Amino acid sequence: MPSSNARALAATIQPSPLPRFTIGRSKGGGWVVQDREGRVGGLFISESAALHFAADECDHDAAQIAITRTRTLLPFDRPDKGGHVH
């Protein structure tokens, strides 16, 4: 059974109102999945593939996925020599 301190801490943790994943287009025309937490993401050949990936990552919780329909393109840069994405 959790301690009263653990229950109190859990009661103060609120889920983020923002979706975890954003799906949009890259400059090259591919589909980009960006994770708000910076943990996972990728470049996909189709919107369907991007949506499938994001849905699997968040246990199919539709509230955790946003698809941009504007002309704003999401950046997807190649890693530098050290493996870091900018």
N, C-alpha and C. Protein backbone atom coordinates (compact mmCIF):
# COMPACT_ATOMS: atom_id res chain seq x y z
N MET A 1 0.85 -1.18 0.00
CA MET A 1 0.00 0.00 0.00
C MET A 1 0.89 1.24 0.00
N PRO A 2 0.64 2.23 -0.87
CA PRO A 2 1.48 3.42 -0.93
C PRO A 2 1.38 4.24 0.34
N SER A 3 2.49 4.88 0.70
CA SER A 3 2.49 5.73 1.89
C SER A 3 1.65 6.97 1.63
N SER A 4 1.29 7.68 2.69
CA SER A 4 0.49 8.90 2.52
C SER A 4 1.27 9.95 1.73
N ASN A 5 2.61 9.97 1.88
CA ASN A 5 3.43 10.91 1.10
C ASN A 5 3.36 10.58 -0.39
N ALA A 6 3.42 9.30 -0.74
CA ALA A 6 3.34 8.90 -2.14
C ALA A 6 1.98 9.24 -2.72
N ARG A 7 0.91 9.02 -1.94
CA ARG A 7 -0.44 9.35 -2.41
C ARG A 7 -0.58 10.85 -2.60
N ALA A 8 -0.02 11.64 -1.69
CA ALA A 8 -0.10 13.10 -1.81
C ALA A 8 0.65 13.58 -3.04
N LEU A 9 1.82 13.01 -3.31
CA LEU A 9 2.59 13.39 -4.49
C LEU A 9 1.83 13.02 -5.75
N ALA A 10 1.28 11.83 -5.81
CA ALA A 10 0.52 11.38 -6.98
C ALA A 10 -0.68 12.28 -7.22
N ALA A 11 -1.31 12.78 -6.16
CA ALA A 11 -2.47 13.63 -6.30
C ALA A 11 -2.12 14.99 -6.89
N THR A 12 -0.86 15.43 -6.74
CA THR A 12 -0.45 16.73 -7.27
C THR A 12 0.04 16.66 -8.70
N ILE A 13 0.30 15.47 -9.21
CA ILE A 13 0.80 15.32 -10.58
C ILE A 13 -0.38 15.38 -11.52
N GLN A 14 -0.37 16.35 -12.40
CA GLN A 14 -1.43 16.51 -13.39
C GLN A 14 -0.91 16.11 -14.76
N PRO A 15 -1.71 15.42 -15.56
CA PRO A 15 -1.27 15.12 -16.91
C PRO A 15 -1.14 16.41 -17.72
N SER A 16 -0.21 16.41 -18.66
CA SER A 16 -0.01 17.58 -19.50
C SER A 16 -1.21 17.77 -20.42
N PRO A 17 -1.68 19.03 -20.57
CA PRO A 17 -2.79 19.27 -21.48
C PRO A 17 -2.36 19.21 -22.95
N LEU A 18 -1.07 19.18 -23.19
CA LEU A 18 -0.56 19.15 -24.56
C LEU A 18 -0.38 17.72 -25.03
N PRO A 19 -0.65 17.45 -26.31
CA PRO A 19 -0.40 16.11 -26.84
C PRO A 19 1.08 15.78 -26.78
N ARG A 20 1.39 14.52 -26.60
CA ARG A 20 2.79 14.10 -26.56
C ARG A 20 3.42 14.15 -27.94
N PHE A 21 2.67 13.79 -28.97
CA PHE A 21 3.22 13.72 -30.33
C PHE A 21 2.57 14.72 -31.26
N THR A 22 3.39 15.32 -32.12
CA THR A 22 2.90 16.17 -33.19
C THR A 22 3.35 15.54 -34.50
N ILE A 23 2.41 15.44 -35.43
CA ILE A 23 2.69 14.89 -36.76
C ILE A 23 2.49 16.00 -37.77
N GLY A 24 3.45 16.15 -38.67
CA GLY A 24 3.36 17.17 -39.72
C GLY A 24 4.30 16.83 -40.86
N ARG A 25 4.37 17.74 -41.82
CA ARG A 25 5.20 17.52 -43.01
C ARG A 25 6.59 18.12 -42.83
N SER A 26 7.57 17.50 -43.47
CA SER A 26 8.93 18.05 -43.51
C SER A 26 9.09 18.84 -44.80
N LYS A 27 10.19 19.57 -44.91
CA LYS A 27 10.46 20.30 -46.16
C LYS A 27 10.54 19.37 -47.35
N GLY A 28 11.04 18.17 -47.13
CA GLY A 28 11.20 17.20 -48.21
C GLY A 28 9.92 16.48 -48.58
N GLY A 29 8.83 16.75 -47.88
CA GLY A 29 7.56 16.14 -48.20
C GLY A 29 7.22 14.91 -47.39
N GLY A 30 8.16 14.45 -46.55
CA GLY A 30 7.88 13.30 -45.69
C GLY A 30 7.03 13.71 -44.51
N TRP A 31 6.67 12.75 -43.72
CA TRP A 31 5.88 12.99 -42.52
C TRP A 31 6.77 12.84 -41.29
N VAL A 32 6.72 13.83 -40.41
CA VAL A 32 7.57 13.87 -39.23
C VAL A 32 6.72 13.64 -37.99
N VAL A 33 7.23 12.81 -37.08
CA VAL A 33 6.63 12.65 -35.76
C VAL A 33 7.61 13.24 -34.77
N GLN A 34 7.14 14.22 -34.00
CA GLN A 34 7.97 14.84 -32.97
C GLN A 34 7.35 14.54 -31.61
N ASP A 35 8.17 14.10 -30.70
CA ASP A 35 7.77 13.80 -29.33
C ASP A 35 8.03 15.03 -28.47
N ARG A 36 7.02 15.52 -27.79
CA ARG A 36 7.16 16.70 -26.93
C ARG A 36 8.27 16.50 -25.90
N GLU A 37 8.47 15.27 -25.47
CA GLU A 37 9.47 14.98 -24.45
C GLU A 37 10.86 14.72 -25.03
N GLY A 38 10.97 14.71 -26.35
CA GLY A 38 12.27 14.52 -27.00
C GLY A 38 12.81 13.11 -26.90
N ARG A 39 11.97 12.14 -26.66
CA ARG A 39 12.44 10.76 -26.49
C ARG A 39 12.47 9.96 -27.78
N VAL A 40 11.44 10.10 -28.60
CA VAL A 40 11.36 9.32 -29.84
C VAL A 40 10.75 10.19 -30.93
N GLY A 41 10.83 9.71 -32.14
CA GLY A 41 10.24 10.41 -33.28
C GLY A 41 10.86 9.85 -34.53
N GLY A 42 10.50 10.45 -35.65
CA GLY A 42 11.10 9.97 -36.88
C GLY A 42 10.48 10.59 -38.11
N LEU A 43 11.01 10.18 -39.24
CA LEU A 43 10.56 10.61 -40.55
C LEU A 43 9.92 9.42 -41.23
N PHE A 44 8.71 9.61 -41.76
CA PHE A 44 7.94 8.52 -42.33
C PHE A 44 7.51 8.84 -43.75
N ILE A 45 7.27 7.81 -44.53
CA ILE A 45 6.91 7.97 -45.93
C ILE A 45 5.46 8.39 -46.12
N SER A 46 4.61 8.11 -45.15
CA SER A 46 3.19 8.47 -45.28
C SER A 46 2.64 8.95 -43.94
N GLU A 47 1.52 9.66 -44.03
CA GLU A 47 0.84 10.11 -42.82
C GLU A 47 0.36 8.90 -42.03
N SER A 48 -0.11 7.89 -42.73
CA SER A 48 -0.59 6.68 -42.08
C SER A 48 0.51 6.01 -41.26
N ALA A 49 1.71 5.92 -41.81
CA ALA A 49 2.83 5.30 -41.10
C ALA A 49 3.22 6.13 -39.88
N ALA A 50 3.21 7.46 -40.02
CA ALA A 50 3.54 8.34 -38.89
C ALA A 50 2.50 8.19 -37.79
N LEU A 51 1.25 8.15 -38.16
CA LEU A 51 0.17 8.00 -37.18
C LEU A 51 0.25 6.64 -36.49
N HIS A 52 0.55 5.60 -37.24
CA HIS A 52 0.69 4.26 -36.67
C HIS A 52 1.80 4.24 -35.61
N PHE A 53 2.94 4.84 -35.93
CA PHE A 53 4.06 4.90 -34.99
C PHE A 53 3.67 5.64 -33.71
N ALA A 54 3.11 6.84 -33.87
CA ALA A 54 2.74 7.65 -32.71
C ALA A 54 1.69 6.93 -31.86
N ALA A 55 0.71 6.31 -32.50
CA ALA A 55 -0.34 5.60 -31.76
C ALA A 55 0.25 4.44 -30.95
N ASP A 56 1.16 3.70 -31.55
CA ASP A 56 1.80 2.60 -30.82
C ASP A 56 2.60 3.11 -29.62
N GLU A 57 3.26 4.24 -29.78
CA GLU A 57 4.09 4.79 -28.71
C GLU A 57 3.28 5.30 -27.51
N CYS A 58 2.03 5.70 -27.75
CA CYS A 58 1.23 6.25 -26.64
C CYS A 58 0.03 5.35 -26.33
N ASP A 59 0.17 4.05 -26.61
CA ASP A 59 -0.88 3.07 -26.30
C ASP A 59 -2.23 3.45 -26.91
N HIS A 60 -2.20 4.02 -28.11
CA HIS A 60 -3.40 4.34 -28.89
C HIS A 60 -4.31 5.34 -28.19
N ASP A 61 -3.71 6.25 -27.41
CA ASP A 61 -4.46 7.33 -26.77
C ASP A 61 -4.50 8.51 -27.74
N ALA A 62 -5.63 8.66 -28.42
CA ALA A 62 -5.76 9.70 -29.46
C ALA A 62 -5.53 11.10 -28.92
N ALA A 63 -5.79 11.33 -27.65
CA ALA A 63 -5.59 12.65 -27.06
C ALA A 63 -4.11 13.03 -27.00
N GLN A 64 -3.22 12.07 -27.18
CA GLN A 64 -1.78 12.31 -27.12
C GLN A 64 -1.17 12.60 -28.48
N ILE A 65 -2.01 12.72 -29.53
CA ILE A 65 -1.50 12.92 -30.89
C ILE A 65 -2.18 14.14 -31.52
N ALA A 66 -1.36 15.04 -32.06
CA ALA A 66 -1.87 16.19 -32.80
C ALA A 66 -1.30 16.12 -34.21
N ILE A 67 -2.14 16.38 -35.20
CA ILE A 67 -1.69 16.41 -36.59
C ILE A 67 -1.83 17.84 -37.08
N THR A 68 -0.72 18.42 -37.53
CA THR A 68 -0.77 19.79 -38.04
C THR A 68 -1.28 19.76 -39.46
N ARG A 69 -2.25 20.59 -39.74
CA ARG A 69 -2.83 20.68 -41.08
C ARG A 69 -2.49 22.00 -41.74
N THR A 70 -1.70 22.82 -41.04
CA THR A 70 -1.32 24.11 -41.60
C THR A 70 -0.14 23.92 -42.54
N ARG A 71 0.27 24.99 -43.14
CA ARG A 71 1.43 24.93 -44.03
C ARG A 71 2.75 25.00 -43.27
N THR A 72 2.68 25.08 -41.95
CA THR A 72 3.89 25.09 -41.14
C THR A 72 4.57 23.73 -41.25
N LEU A 73 5.82 23.74 -41.63
CA LEU A 73 6.58 22.51 -41.77
C LEU A 73 7.35 22.23 -40.50
N LEU A 74 7.38 20.98 -40.13
CA LEU A 74 8.16 20.58 -38.96
C LEU A 74 9.59 20.29 -39.38
N PRO A 75 10.56 20.77 -38.61
CA PRO A 75 11.96 20.50 -38.96
C PRO A 75 12.33 19.06 -38.67
N PHE A 76 13.13 18.53 -39.53
CA PHE A 76 13.71 17.21 -39.28
C PHE A 76 15.11 17.26 -39.84
N ASP A 77 16.07 17.54 -38.96
CA ASP A 77 17.46 17.69 -39.37
C ASP A 77 18.22 16.39 -39.19
N ARG A 78 19.25 16.24 -39.99
CA ARG A 78 20.12 15.06 -39.87
C ARG A 78 21.03 15.25 -38.67
N PRO A 79 21.40 14.15 -38.02
CA PRO A 79 22.34 14.24 -36.90
C PRO A 79 23.70 14.77 -37.35
N ASP A 80 24.37 15.50 -36.48
CA ASP A 80 25.73 15.91 -36.79
C ASP A 80 26.67 14.72 -36.57
N LYS A 81 27.97 14.93 -36.72
CA LYS A 81 28.92 13.83 -36.59
C LYS A 81 28.91 13.20 -35.21
N GLY A 82 28.47 13.96 -34.19
CA GLY A 82 28.41 13.43 -32.84
C GLY A 82 27.10 12.70 -32.55
N GLY A 83 26.20 12.62 -33.57
CA GLY A 83 24.95 11.94 -33.39
C GLY A 83 23.83 12.78 -32.84
N HIS A 84 24.07 14.10 -32.71
CA HIS A 84 23.06 15.00 -32.15
C HIS A 84 22.24 15.63 -33.28
N VAL A 85 20.94 15.71 -33.06
CA VAL A 85 20.05 16.37 -34.02
C VAL A 85 19.89 17.82 -33.60
N HIS A 86 19.95 18.71 -34.58
CA HIS A 86 19.80 20.15 -34.30
C HIS A 86 18.51 20.64 -34.88
